[in-house]
PDB file of N, CA and C in Angstrom:
ATOM      1  N   PHE A   1      10.096  -1.713  25.032  1.00  0.00           N
ATOM      2  CA  PHE A   1       8.824  -2.106  24.487  1.00  0.00           C
ATOM      3  C   PHE A   1       9.020  -2.863  23.179  1.00  0.00           C
ATOM      4  N   ALA A   2       8.348  -3.967  23.044  1.00  0.00           N
ATOM      5  CA  ALA A   2       8.456  -4.773  21.833  1.00  0.00           C
ATOM      6  C   ALA A   2       7.402  -4.397  20.795  1.00  0.00           C
ATOM      7  N   THR A   3       6.399  -3.664  21.183  1.00  0.00           N
ATOM      8  CA  THR A   3       5.325  -3.327  20.259  1.00  0.00           C
ATOM      9  C   THR A   3       5.663  -2.076  19.446  1.00  0.00           C
ATOM     10  N   LEU A   4       5.098  -1.997  18.259  1.00  0.00           N
ATOM     11  CA  LEU A   4       5.283  -0.806  17.433  1.00  0.00           C
ATOM     12  C   LEU A   4       4.282   0.284  17.802  1.00  0.00           C
ATOM     13  N   ARG A   5       3.194  -0.092  18.404  1.00  0.00           N
ATOM     14  CA  ARG A   5       2.100   0.843  18.654  1.00  0.00           C
ATOM     15  C   ARG A   5       2.284   1.624  19.955  1.00  0.00           C
ATOM     16  N   VAL A   6       3.442   2.264  20.089  1.00  0.00           N
ATOM     17  CA  VAL A   6       3.722   3.031  21.289  1.00  0.00           C
ATOM     18  C   VAL A   6       3.431   4.514  21.087  1.00  0.00           C
ATOM     19  N   ARG A   7       3.197   4.916  19.842  1.00  0.00           N
ATOM     20  CA  ARG A   7       2.924   6.317  19.549  1.00  0.00           C
ATOM     21  C   ARG A   7       1.663   6.417  18.695  1.00  0.00           C
ATOM     22  N   PRO A   8       0.893   7.466  18.867  1.00  0.00           N
ATOM     23  CA  PRO A   8      -0.324   7.622  18.059  1.00  0.00           C
ATOM     24  C   PRO A   8      -0.031   7.766  16.567  1.00  0.00           C
ATOM     25  N   GLU A   9       1.148   8.301  16.218  1.00  0.00           N
ATOM     26  CA  GLU A   9       1.512   8.439  14.810  1.00  0.00           C
ATOM     27  C   GLU A   9       1.594   7.082  14.123  1.00  0.00           C
ATOM     28  N   VAL A  10       2.091   6.083  14.844  1.00  0.00           N
ATOM     29  CA  VAL A  10       2.228   4.743  14.283  1.00  0.00           C
ATOM     30  C   VAL A  10       0.853   4.140  14.027  1.00  0.00           C
ATOM     31  N   VAL A  11      -0.036   4.296  14.980  1.00  0.00           N
ATOM     32  CA  VAL A  11      -1.383   3.756  14.835  1.00  0.00           C
ATOM     33  C   VAL A  11      -2.086   4.416  13.649  1.00  0.00           C
ATOM     34  N   MET A  12      -1.954   5.728  13.527  1.00  0.00           N
ATOM     35  CA  MET A  12      -2.589   6.435  12.422  1.00  0.00           C
ATOM     36  C   MET A  12      -1.980   6.052  11.080  1.00  0.00           C
ATOM     37  N   ALA A  13      -0.665   5.864  11.033  1.00  0.00           N
ATOM     38  CA  ALA A  13      -0.005   5.449   9.797  1.00  0.00           C
ATOM     39  C   ALA A  13      -0.446   4.043   9.399  1.00  0.00           C
ATOM     40  N   LEU A  14      -0.519   3.127  10.358  1.00  0.00           N
ATOM     41  CA  LEU A  14      -0.991   1.771  10.062  1.00  0.00           C
ATOM     42  C   LEU A  14      -2.447   1.789   9.588  1.00  0.00           C
ATOM     43  N   HIS A  15      -3.245   2.629  10.217  1.00  0.00           N
ATOM     44  CA  HIS A  15      -4.639   2.766   9.808  1.00  0.00           C
ATOM     45  C   HIS A  15      -4.719   3.270   8.361  1.00  0.00           C
ATOM     46  N   GLY A  16      -3.894   4.252   8.026  1.00  0.00           N
ATOM     47  CA  GLY A  16      -3.883   4.783   6.664  1.00  0.00           C
ATOM     48  C   GLY A  16      -3.415   3.768   5.643  1.00  0.00           C
ATOM     49  N   VAL A  17      -2.382   3.001   5.985  1.00  0.00           N
ATOM     50  CA  VAL A  17      -1.852   1.995   5.064  1.00  0.00           C
ATOM     51  C   VAL A  17      -2.875   0.876   4.861  1.00  0.00           C
ATOM     52  N   LYS A  18      -3.481   0.415   5.949  1.00  0.00           N
ATOM     53  CA  LYS A  18      -4.500  -0.642   5.814  1.00  0.00           C
ATOM     54  C   LYS A  18      -5.701  -0.141   5.016  1.00  0.00           C
ATOM     55  N   GLY A  19      -6.093   1.109   5.240  1.00  0.00           N
ATOM     56  CA  GLY A  19      -7.183   1.689   4.467  1.00  0.00           C
ATOM     57  C   GLY A  19      -6.842   1.764   2.989  1.00  0.00           C
ATOM     58  N   SER A  20      -5.613   2.128   2.689  1.00  0.00           N
ATOM     59  CA  SER A  20      -5.170   2.180   1.300  1.00  0.00           C
ATOM     60  C   SER A  20      -5.182   0.791   0.672  1.00  0.00           C
ATOM     61  N   CYS A  21      -4.751  -0.207   1.427  1.00  0.00           N
ATOM     62  CA  CYS A  21      -4.773  -1.585   0.928  1.00  0.00           C
ATOM     63  C   CYS A  21      -6.204  -2.046   0.664  1.00  0.00           C
ATOM     64  N   GLU A  22      -7.102  -1.739   1.569  1.00  0.00           N
ATOM     65  CA  GLU A  22      -8.500  -2.142   1.384  1.00  0.00           C
ATOM     66  C   GLU A  22      -9.144  -1.417   0.207  1.00  0.00           C
ATOM     67  N   ASP A  23      -8.783  -0.139   0.018  1.00  0.00           N
ATOM     68  CA  ASP A  23      -9.303   0.606  -1.133  1.00  0.00           C
ATOM     69  C   ASP A  23      -8.821  -0.011  -2.441  1.00  0.00           C
ATOM     70  N   ARG A  24      -7.554  -0.344  -2.500  1.00  0.00           N
ATOM     71  CA  ARG A  24      -7.004  -0.958  -3.715  1.00  0.00           C
ATOM     72  C   ARG A  24      -7.633  -2.325  -3.964  1.00  0.00           C
ATOM     73  N   LEU A  25      -7.860  -3.051  -2.906  1.00  0.00           N
ATOM     74  CA  LEU A  25      -8.474  -4.369  -3.057  1.00  0.00           C
ATOM     75  C   LEU A  25      -9.863  -4.242  -3.669  1.00  0.00           C
ATOM     76  N   ALA A  26     -10.603  -3.229  -3.248  1.00  0.00           N
ATOM     77  CA  ALA A  26     -11.944  -3.023  -3.788  1.00  0.00           C
ATOM     78  C   ALA A  26     -11.893  -2.523  -5.239  1.00  0.00           C
ATOM     79  N   GLN A  27     -10.866  -1.739  -5.570  1.00  0.00           N
ATOM     80  CA  GLN A  27     -10.783  -1.137  -6.901  1.00  0.00           C
ATOM     81  C   GLN A  27     -10.183  -2.062  -7.946  1.00  0.00           C
ATOM     82  N   GLU A  28      -9.298  -2.940  -7.549  1.00  0.00           N
ATOM     83  CA  GLU A  28      -8.497  -3.662  -8.523  1.00  0.00           C
ATOM     84  C   GLU A  28      -9.090  -4.986  -8.979  1.00  0.00           C
ATOM     85  N   ASN A  29     -10.360  -5.192  -8.784  1.00  0.00           N
ATOM     86  CA  ASN A  29     -10.994  -6.380  -9.326  1.00  0.00           C
ATOM     87  C   ASN A  29     -11.206  -6.137 -10.818  1.00  0.00           C
ATOM     88  N   VAL A  30     -10.384  -6.772 -11.646  1.00  0.00           N
ATOM     89  CA  VAL A  30     -10.379  -6.519 -13.082  1.00  0.00           C
ATOM     90  C   VAL A  30     -11.728  -6.856 -13.699  1.00  0.00           C
ATOM     91  N   PHE A  31     -12.360  -7.927 -13.239  1.00  0.00           N
ATOM     92  CA  PHE A  31     -13.624  -8.338 -13.826  1.00  0.00           C
ATOM     93  C   PHE A  31     -14.782  -7.438 -13.400  1.00  0.00           C
ATOM     94  N   ALA A  32     -14.653  -6.735 -12.299  1.00  0.00           N
ATOM     95  CA  ALA A  32     -15.729  -5.852 -11.862  1.00  0.00           C
ATOM     96  C   ALA A  32     -15.866  -4.655 -12.795  1.00  0.00           C
ATOM     97  N   SER A  33     -14.771  -4.245 -13.429  1.00  0.00           N
ATOM     98  CA  SER A  33     -14.824  -3.082 -14.312  1.00  0.00           C
ATOM     99  C   SER A  33     -15.280  -3.445 -15.723  1.00  0.00           C
ATOM    100  N   LEU A  34     -15.400  -4.727 -16.025  1.00  0.00           N
ATOM    101  CA  LEU A  34     -15.844  -5.146 -17.355  1.00  0.00           C
ATOM    102  C   LEU A  34     -17.368  -5.183 -17.420  1.00  0.00           C
ATOM    103  N   ASP A  35     -17.905  -4.837 -18.565  1.00  0.00           N
ATOM    104  CA  ASP A  35     -19.350  -4.881 -18.775  1.00  0.00           C
ATOM    105  C   ASP A  35     -19.727  -6.297 -19.208  1.00  0.00           C
ATOM    106  N   LEU A  36     -20.210  -7.080 -18.267  1.00  0.00           N
ATOM    107  CA  LEU A  36     -20.583  -8.465 -18.562  1.00  0.00           C
ATOM    108  C   LEU A  36     -22.095  -8.633 -18.631  1.00  0.00           C
ATOM    109  N   SER A  37     -22.804  -7.511 -18.768  1.00  0.00           N
ATOM    110  CA  SER A  37     -24.265  -7.581 -18.794  1.00  0.00           C
ATOM    111  C   SER A  37     -24.802  -8.081 -20.136  1.00  0.00           C
ATOM    112  N   ARG A  38     -23.976  -8.039 -21.157  1.00  0.00           N
ATOM    113  CA  ARG A  38     -24.397  -8.500 -22.479  1.00  0.00           C
ATOM    114  C   ARG A  38     -23.315  -9.400 -23.069  1.00  0.00           C
ATOM    115  N   PRO A  39     -23.683 -10.266 -23.968  1.00  0.00           N
ATOM    116  CA  PRO A  39     -22.673 -11.102 -24.632  1.00  0.00           C
ATOM    117  C   PRO A  39     -21.730 -10.237 -25.469  1.00  0.00           C
ATOM    118  N   GLN A  40     -20.458 -10.623 -25.470  1.00  0.00           N
ATOM    119  CA  GLN A  40     -19.466  -9.881 -26.231  1.00  0.00           C
ATOM    120  C   GLN A  40     -18.714 -10.840 -27.153  1.00  0.00           C
ATOM    121  N   ARG A  41     -18.212 -10.263 -28.196  1.00  0.00           N
ATOM    122  CA  ARG A  41     -17.330 -11.057 -29.034  1.00  0.00           C
ATOM    123  C   ARG A  41     -16.018 -11.231 -28.291  1.00  0.00           C
ATOM    124  N   LEU A  42     -15.294 -12.279 -28.630  1.00  0.00           N
ATOM    125  CA  LEU A  42     -14.056 -12.605 -27.929  1.00  0.00           C
ATOM    126  C   LEU A  42     -13.041 -11.474 -28.032  1.00  0.00           C
ATOM    127  N   ASP A  43     -12.890 -10.881 -29.194  1.00  0.00           N
ATOM    128  CA  ASP A  43     -11.910  -9.801 -29.344  1.00  0.00           C
ATOM    129  C   ASP A  43     -12.315  -8.556 -28.548  1.00  0.00           C
ATOM    130  N   GLU A  44     -13.614  -8.267 -28.434  1.00  0.00           N
ATOM    131  CA  GLU A  44     -14.075  -7.151 -27.605  1.00  0.00           C
ATOM    132  C   GLU A  44     -13.761  -7.403 -26.133  1.00  0.00           C
ATOM    133  N   PHE A  45     -14.017  -8.639 -25.688  1.00  0.00           N
ATOM    134  CA  PHE A  45     -13.745  -8.987 -24.297  1.00  0.00           C
ATOM    135  C   PHE A  45     -12.256  -8.890 -24.003  1.00  0.00           C
ATOM    136  N   ARG A  46     -11.431  -9.411 -24.892  1.00  0.00           N
ATOM    137  CA  ARG A  46      -9.979  -9.358 -24.674  1.00  0.00           C
ATOM    138  C   ARG A  46      -9.481  -7.920 -24.643  1.00  0.00           C
ATOM    139  N   GLN A  47     -10.014  -7.074 -25.509  1.00  0.00           N
ATOM    140  CA  GLN A  47      -9.597  -5.679 -25.524  1.00  0.00           C
ATOM    141  C   GLN A  47     -10.008  -4.974 -24.230  1.00  0.00           C
ATOM    142  N   ALA A  48     -11.228  -5.211 -23.774  1.00  0.00           N
ATOM    143  CA  ALA A  48     -11.689  -4.604 -22.520  1.00  0.00           C
ATOM    144  C   ALA A  48     -10.891  -5.126 -21.333  1.00  0.00           C
ATOM    145  N   GLN A  49     -10.589  -6.419 -21.350  1.00  0.00           N
ATOM    146  CA  GLN A  49      -9.803  -7.008 -20.270  1.00  0.00           C
ATOM    147  C   GLN A  49      -8.382  -6.453 -20.267  1.00  0.00           C
ATOM    148  N   LYS A  50      -7.802  -6.284 -21.437  1.00  0.00           N
ATOM    149  CA  LYS A  50      -6.451  -5.730 -21.530  1.00  0.00           C
ATOM    150  C   LYS A  50      -6.413  -4.296 -21.012  1.00  0.00           C
ATOM    151  N   ALA A  51      -7.422  -3.505 -21.361  1.00  0.00           N
ATOM    152  CA  ALA A  51      -7.491  -2.124 -20.879  1.00  0.00           C
ATOM    153  C   ALA A  51      -7.654  -2.080 -19.357  1.00  0.00           C
ATOM    154  N   ALA A  52      -8.525  -2.934 -18.826  1.00  0.00           N
ATOM    155  CA  ALA A  52      -8.746  -2.963 -17.374  1.00  0.00           C
ATOM    156  C   ALA A  52      -7.491  -3.436 -16.643  1.00  0.00           C
ATOM    157  N   THR A  53      -6.814  -4.414 -17.213  1.00  0.00           N
ATOM    158  CA  THR A  53      -5.580  -4.913 -16.598  1.00  0.00           C
ATOM    159  C   THR A  53      -4.487  -3.843 -16.634  1.00  0.00           C
ATOM    160  N   GLY A  54      -4.393  -3.116 -17.734  1.00  0.00           N
ATOM    161  CA  GLY A  54      -3.408  -2.027 -17.829  1.00  0.00           C
ATOM    162  C   GLY A  54      -3.662  -0.933 -16.813  1.00  0.00           C
ATOM    163  N   GLN A  55      -4.931  -0.588 -16.623  1.00  0.00           N
ATOM    164  CA  GLN A  55      -5.280   0.435 -15.631  1.00  0.00           C
ATOM    165  C   GLN A  55      -4.955  -0.044 -14.220  1.00  0.00           C
ATOM    166  N   ALA A  56      -5.262  -1.301 -13.933  1.00  0.00           N
ATOM    167  CA  ALA A  56      -4.965  -1.858 -12.610  1.00  0.00           C
ATOM    168  C   ALA A  56      -3.461  -1.891 -12.368  1.00  0.00           C
ATOM    169  N   THR A  57      -2.702  -2.253 -13.394  1.00  0.00           N
ATOM    170  CA  THR A  57      -1.241  -2.296 -13.270  1.00  0.00           C
ATOM    171  C   THR A  57      -0.681  -0.909 -12.987  1.00  0.00           C
ATOM    172  N   THR A  58      -1.171   0.089 -13.710  1.00  0.00           N
ATOM    173  CA  THR A  58      -0.712   1.463 -13.488  1.00  0.00           C
ATOM    174  C   THR A  58      -1.026   1.909 -12.068  1.00  0.00           C
ATOM    175  N   ASN A  59      -2.235   1.627 -11.602  1.00  0.00           N
ATOM    176  CA  ASN A  59      -2.604   2.006 -10.235  1.00  0.00           C
ATOM    177  C   ASN A  59      -1.721   1.324  -9.206  1.00  0.00           C
ATOM    178  N   LEU A  60      -1.447   0.038  -9.405  1.00  0.00           N
ATOM    179  CA  LEU A  60      -0.663  -0.708  -8.415  1.00  0.00           C
ATOM    180  C   LEU A  60       0.816  -0.338  -8.437  1.00  0.00           C
ATOM    181  N   GLN A  61       1.342   0.043  -9.587  1.00  0.00           N
ATOM    182  CA  GLN A  61       2.766   0.342  -9.684  1.00  0.00           C
ATOM    183  C   GLN A  61       3.096   1.805  -9.411  1.00  0.00           C
ATOM    184  N   GLU A  62       2.169   2.704  -9.688  1.00  0.00           N
ATOM    185  CA  GLU A  62       2.480   4.128  -9.559  1.00  0.00           C
ATOM    186  C   GLU A  62       1.675   4.817  -8.466  1.00  0.00           C
ATOM    187  N   THR A  63       0.378   4.750  -8.560  1.00  0.00           N
ATOM    188  CA  THR A  63      -0.485   5.510  -7.657  1.00  0.00           C
ATOM    189  C   THR A  63      -0.445   4.981  -6.236  1.00  0.00           C
ATOM    190  N   TRP A  64      -0.581   3.687  -6.086  1.00  0.00           N
ATOM    191  CA  TRP A  64      -0.660   3.097  -4.751  1.00  0.00           C
ATOM    192  C   TRP A  64       0.610   3.288  -3.925  1.00  0.00           C
ATOM    193  N   PRO A  65       1.816   2.986  -4.459  1.00  0.00           N
ATOM    194  CA  PRO A  65       3.018   3.216  -3.638  1.00  0.00           C
ATOM    195  C   PRO A  65       3.190   4.677  -3.241  1.00  0.00           C
ATOM    196  N   GLN A  66       2.844   5.600  -4.145  1.00  0.00           N
ATOM    197  CA  GLN A  66       2.938   7.020  -3.803  1.00  0.00           C
ATOM    198  C   GLN A  66       1.988   7.386  -2.671  1.00  0.00           C
ATOM    199  N   HIS A  67       0.788   6.818  -2.702  1.00  0.00           N
ATOM    200  CA  HIS A  67      -0.193   7.108  -1.660  1.00  0.00           C
ATOM    201  C   HIS A  67       0.292   6.566  -0.308  1.00  0.00           C
ATOM    202  N   VAL A  68       0.811   5.357  -0.293  1.00  0.00           N
ATOM    203  CA  VAL A  68       1.327   4.784   0.955  1.00  0.00           C
ATOM    204  C   VAL A  68       2.513   5.604   1.463  1.00  0.00           C
ATOM    205  N   HIS A  69       3.391   6.008   0.556  1.00  0.00           N
ATOM    206  CA  HIS A  69       4.554   6.817   0.920  1.00  0.00           C
ATOM    207  C   HIS A  69       4.116   8.135   1.552  1.00  0.00           C
ATOM    208  N   GLN A  70       3.167   8.810   0.935  1.00  0.00           N
ATOM    209  CA  GLN A  70       2.677  10.080   1.466  1.00  0.00           C
ATOM    210  C   GLN A  70       1.987   9.901   2.815  1.00  0.00           C
ATOM    211  N   THR A  71       1.262   8.799   2.978  1.00  0.00           N
ATOM    212  CA  THR A  71       0.591   8.532   4.258  1.00  0.00           C
ATOM    213  C   THR A  71       1.613   8.373   5.375  1.00  0.00           C
ATOM    214  N   VAL A  72       2.646   7.597   5.130  1.00  0.00           N
ATOM    215  CA  VAL A  72       3.674   7.377   6.155  1.00  0.00           C
ATOM    216  C   VAL A  72       4.412   8.673   6.458  1.00  0.00           C
ATOM    217  N   LEU A  73       4.788   9.413   5.429  1.00  0.00           N
ATOM    218  CA  LEU A  73       5.495  10.680   5.659  1.00  0.00           C
ATOM    219  C   LEU A  73       4.632  11.673   6.433  1.00  0.00           C
ATOM    220  N   LYS A  74       3.350  11.758   6.088  1.00  0.00           N
ATOM    221  CA  LYS A  74       2.451  12.703   6.760  1.00  0.00           C
ATOM    222  C   LYS A  74       2.319  12.374   8.246  1.00  0.00           C
ATOM    223  N   GLU A  75       2.198  11.092   8.559  1.00  0.00           N
ATOM    224  CA  GLU A  75       2.001  10.708   9.958  1.00  0.00           C
ATOM    225  C   GLU A  75       3.280  10.827  10.778  1.00  0.00           C
ATOM    226  N   PHE A  76       4.428  10.614  10.149  1.00  0.00           N
ATOM    227  CA  PHE A  76       5.690  10.640  10.900  1.00  0.00           C
ATOM    228  C   PHE A  76       6.441  11.958  10.811  1.00  0.00           C
ATOM    229  N   GLU A  77       5.865  12.972  10.152  1.00  0.00           N
ATOM    230  CA  GLU A  77       6.584  14.226   9.989  1.00  0.00           C
ATOM    231  C   GLU A  77       6.827  14.944  11.322  1.00  0.00           C
ATOM    232  N   SER A  78       5.952  14.731  12.280  1.00  0.00           N
ATOM    233  CA  SER A  78       6.106  15.417  13.569  1.00  0.00           C
ATOM    234  C   SER A  78       6.996  14.654  14.544  1.00  0.00           C
ATOM    235  N   VAL A  79       7.376  13.433  14.193  1.00  0.00           N
ATOM    236  CA  VAL A  79       8.224  12.638  15.083  1.00  0.00           C
ATOM    237  C   VAL A  79       9.665  13.089  14.916  1.00  0.00           C
ATOM    238  N   GLY A  80      10.289  13.411  15.996  1.00  0.00           N
ATOM    239  CA  GLY A  80      11.685  13.829  15.950  1.00  0.00           C
ATOM    240  C   GLY A  80      12.607  12.648  16.198  1.00  0.00           C
ATOM    241  N   LYS A  81      13.616  12.883  17.012  1.00  0.00           N
ATOM    242  CA  LYS A  81      14.545  11.813  17.325  1.00  0.00           C
ATOM    243  C   LYS A  81      13.849  10.729  18.130  1.00  0.00           C
ATOM    244  N   GLY A  82      14.307   9.524  17.937  1.00  0.00           N
ATOM    245  CA  GLY A  82      13.726   8.405  18.660  1.00  0.00           C
ATOM    246  C   GLY A  82      13.603   7.192  17.766  1.00  0.00           C
ATOM    247  N   TRP A  83      12.671   6.318  18.127  1.00  0.00           N
ATOM    248  CA  TRP A  83      12.510   5.048  17.429  1.00  0.00           C
ATOM    249  C   TRP A  83      12.063   5.219  15.984  1.00  0.00           C
ATOM    250  N   PHE A  84      11.308   6.255  15.693  1.00  0.00           N
ATOM    251  CA  PHE A  84      10.709   6.436  14.369  1.00  0.00           C
ATOM    252  C   PHE A  84      11.262   7.667  13.653  1.00  0.00           C
ATOM    253  N   ASN A  85      12.531   7.916  13.795  1.00  0.00           N
ATOM    254  CA  ASN A  85      13.185   9.069  13.193  1.00  0.00           C
ATOM    255  C   ASN A  85      13.351   8.850  11.688  1.00  0.00           C
ATOM    256  N   LEU A  86      12.659   9.648  10.876  1.00  0.00           N
ATOM    257  CA  LEU A  86      12.772   9.536   9.426  1.00  0.00           C
ATOM    258  C   LEU A  86      14.089  10.096   8.896  1.00  0.00           C
ATOM    259  N   GLN A  87      14.768  10.883   9.704  1.00  0.00           N
ATOM    260  CA  GLN A  87      16.011  11.511   9.272  1.00  0.00           C
ATOM    261  C   GLN A  87      17.251  10.751   9.742  1.00  0.00           C
ATOM    262  N   GLU A  88      17.072   9.530  10.201  1.00  0.00           N
ATOM    263  CA  GLU A  88      18.197   8.749  10.725  1.00  0.00           C
ATOM    264  C   GLU A  88      19.228   8.494   9.626  1.00  0.00           C
ATOM    265  N   GLN A  89      20.485   8.780   9.915  1.00  0.00           N
ATOM    266  CA  GLN A  89      21.569   8.620   8.951  1.00  0.00           C
ATOM    267  C   GLN A  89      22.411   7.377   9.222  1.00  0.00           C
ATOM    268  N   ARG A  90      22.454   6.965  10.469  1.00  0.00           N
ATOM    269  CA  ARG A  90      23.317   5.825  10.822  1.00  0.00           C
ATOM    270  C   ARG A  90      22.587   4.513  10.573  1.00  0.00           C
ATOM    271  N   GLN A  91      23.235   3.648   9.810  1.00  0.00           N
ATOM    272  CA  GLN A  91      22.645   2.373   9.429  1.00  0.00           C
ATOM    273  C   GLN A  91      22.404   1.470  10.633  1.00  0.00           C
ATOM    274  N   ASP A  92      23.318   1.448  11.586  1.00  0.00           N
ATOM    275  CA  ASP A  92      23.160   0.575  12.749  1.00  0.00           C
ATOM    276  C   ASP A  92      21.976   1.002  13.618  1.00  0.00           C
ATOM    277  N   LEU A  93      21.768   2.306  13.761  1.00  0.00           N
ATOM    278  CA  LEU A  93      20.626   2.781  14.540  1.00  0.00           C
ATOM    279  C   LEU A  93      19.314   2.507  13.808  1.00  0.00           C
ATOM    280  N   TYR A  94      19.327   2.627  12.487  1.00  0.00           N
ATOM    281  CA  TYR A  94      18.129   2.316  11.706  1.00  0.00           C
ATOM    282  C   TYR A  94      17.755   0.842  11.858  1.00  0.00           C
ATOM    283  N   ARG A  95      18.748  -0.038  11.817  1.00  0.00           N
ATOM    284  CA  ARG A  95      18.478  -1.476  11.945  1.00  0.00           C
ATOM    285  C   ARG A  95      17.921  -1.825  13.317  1.00  0.00           C
ATOM    286  N   GLN A  96      18.322  -1.090  14.344  1.00  0.00           N
ATOM    287  CA  GLN A  96      17.832  -1.357  15.697  1.00  0.00           C
ATOM    288  C   GLN A  96      16.499  -0.654  15.976  1.00  0.00           C
ATOM    289  N   GLY A  97      16.175   0.354  15.191  1.00  0.00           N
ATOM    290  CA  GLY A  97      14.992   1.165  15.451  1.00  0.00           C
ATOM    291  C   GLY A  97      13.698   0.497  15.046  1.00  0.00           C
ATOM    292  N   LYS A  98      12.640   1.089  15.495  1.00  0.00           N
ATOM    293  CA  LYS A  98      11.312   0.547  15.199  1.00  0.00           C
ATOM    294  C   LYS A  98      10.807   0.985  13.837  1.00  0.00           C
ATOM    295  N   LEU A  99      11.419   2.001  13.249  1.00  0.00           N
ATOM    296  CA  LEU A  99      11.007   2.431  11.919  1.00  0.00           C
ATOM    297  C   LEU A  99      11.224   1.313  10.907  1.00  0.00           C
ATOM    298  N   ARG A 100      12.322   0.618  11.004  1.00  0.00           N
ATOM    299  CA  ARG A 100      12.601  -0.504  10.107  1.00  0.00           C
ATOM    300  C   ARG A 100      11.536  -1.592  10.254  1.00  0.00           C
ATOM    301  N   LYS A 101      11.191  -1.911  11.486  1.00  0.00           N
ATOM    302  CA  LYS A 101      10.159  -2.928  11.725  1.00  0.00           C
ATOM    303  C   LYS A 101       8.807  -2.463  11.207  1.00  0.00           C
ATOM    304  N   PHE A 102       8.532  -1.186  11.362  1.00  0.00           N
ATOM    305  CA  PHE A 102       7.279  -0.644  10.842  1.00  0.00           C
ATOM    306  C   PHE A 102       7.227  -0.759   9.322  1.00  0.00           C
ATOM    307  N   LEU A 103       8.308  -0.413   8.650  1.00  0.00           N
ATOM    308  CA  LEU A 103       8.342  -0.476   7.190  1.00  0.00           C
ATOM    309  C   LEU A 103       8.261  -1.924   6.694  1.00  0.00           C
ATOM    310  N   ILE A 104       8.817  -2.853   7.447  1.00  0.00           N
ATOM    311  CA  ILE A 104       8.664  -4.274   7.105  1.00  0.00           C
ATOM    312  C   ILE A 104       7.205  -4.675   7.228  1.00  0.00           C
ATOM    313  N   LEU A 105       6.534  -4.206   8.271  1.00  0.00           N
ATOM    314  CA  LEU A 105       5.104  -4.496   8.443  1.00  0.00           C
ATOM    315  C   LEU A 105       4.287  -3.917   7.295  1.00  0.00           C
ATOM    316  N   VAL A 106       4.609  -2.703   6.854  1.00  0.00           N
ATOM    317  CA  VAL A 106       3.915  -2.086   5.724  1.00  0.00           C
ATOM    318  C   VAL A 106       4.128  -2.923   4.468  1.00  0.00           C
ATOM    319  N   ARG A 107       5.361  -3.369   4.239  1.00  0.00           N
ATOM    320  CA  ARG A 107       5.643  -4.207   3.071  1.00  0.00           C
ATOM    321  C   ARG A 107       4.838  -5.501   3.120  1.00  0.00           C
ATOM    322  N   LEU A 108       4.750  -6.112   4.291  1.00  0.00           N
ATOM    323  CA  LEU A 108       3.992  -7.355   4.425  1.00  0.00           C
ATOM    324  C   LEU A 108       2.488  -7.127   4.192  1.00  0.00           C
ATOM    325  N   LEU A 109       1.976  -5.997   4.649  1.00  0.00           N
ATOM    326  CA  LEU A 109       0.572  -5.669   4.388  1.00  0.00           C
ATOM    327  C   LEU A 109       0.322  -5.519   2.884  1.00  0.00           C
ATOM    328  N   GLN A 110       1.255  -4.872   2.195  1.00  0.00           N
ATOM    329  CA  GLN A 110       1.112  -4.697   0.756  1.00  0.00           C
ATOM    330  C   GLN A 110       1.199  -6.040   0.029  1.00  0.00           C
ATOM    331  N   GLN A 111       2.125  -6.882   0.438  1.00  0.00           N
ATOM    332  CA  GLN A 111       2.250  -8.206  -0.185  1.00  0.00           C
ATOM    333  C   GLN A 111       0.998  -9.041   0.031  1.00  0.00           C
ATOM    334  N   ASP A 112       0.437  -8.961   1.208  1.00  0.00           N
ATOM    335  CA  ASP A 112      -0.781  -9.698   1.494  1.00  0.00           C
ATOM    336  C   ASP A 112      -1.929  -9.229   0.606  1.00  0.00           C
ATOM    337  N   MET A 113      -2.028  -7.912   0.417  1.00  0.00           N
ATOM    338  CA  MET A 113      -3.067  -7.383  -0.442  1.00  0.00           C
ATOM    339  C   MET A 113      -2.878  -7.833  -1.890  1.00  0.00           C
ATOM    340  N   LEU A 114      -1.633  -7.833  -2.355  1.00  0.00           N
ATOM    341  CA  LEU A 114      -1.370  -8.274  -3.726  1.00  0.00           C
ATOM    342  C   LEU A 114      -1.694  -9.764  -3.915  1.00  0.00           C
ATOM    343  N   ARG A 115      -1.415 -10.571  -2.905  1.00  0.00           N
ATOM    344  CA  ARG A 115      -1.758 -11.989  -2.992  1.00  0.00           C
ATOM    345  C   ARG A 115      -3.271 -12.178  -2.997  1.00  0.00           C
ATOM    346  N   THR A 116      -3.973 -11.331  -2.295  1.00  0.00           N
ATOM    347  CA  THR A 116      -5.434 -11.425  -2.262  1.00  0.00           C
ATOM    348  C   THR A 116      -6.017 -11.067  -3.624  1.00  0.00           C
ATOM    349  N   ILE A 117      -5.436 -10.072  -4.295  1.00  0.00           N
ATOM    350  CA  ILE A 117      -5.900  -9.677  -5.619  1.00  0.00           C
ATOM    351  C   ILE A 117      -5.651 -10.792  -6.624  1.00  0.00           C
ATOM    352  N   ALA A 118      -4.463 -11.397  -6.539  1.00  0.00           N
ATOM    353  CA  ALA A 118      -4.096 -12.434  -7.517  1.00  0.00           C
ATOM    354  C   ALA A 118      -4.875 -13.663  -7.276  1.00  0.00           C
TER     355      ALA A 118
END
């Protein structure tokens, strides 16, 4: 089989990762968190923007990767030996397995979300 979606765990993990990406996309709009309802002095705006950017950076660098990691581990914890073995020790089997392709897909989803934010 050439598809990754051969097990329900994979579908649920992809659903969780995409949901996490969509949540971050909705949360990380820096200008949405700024109060633009009234005129501000330039230094007030810069300070608020810096704070919002710092919070977004922290979320994207710390919270989000941990959430994606936990989602993947939770969905694949029941998978034993096979294509999606999280305990695989041999490098050649990992390269041939579908877990590697799945993790590449997760990375591409994350990159796409980051490009959308930028």
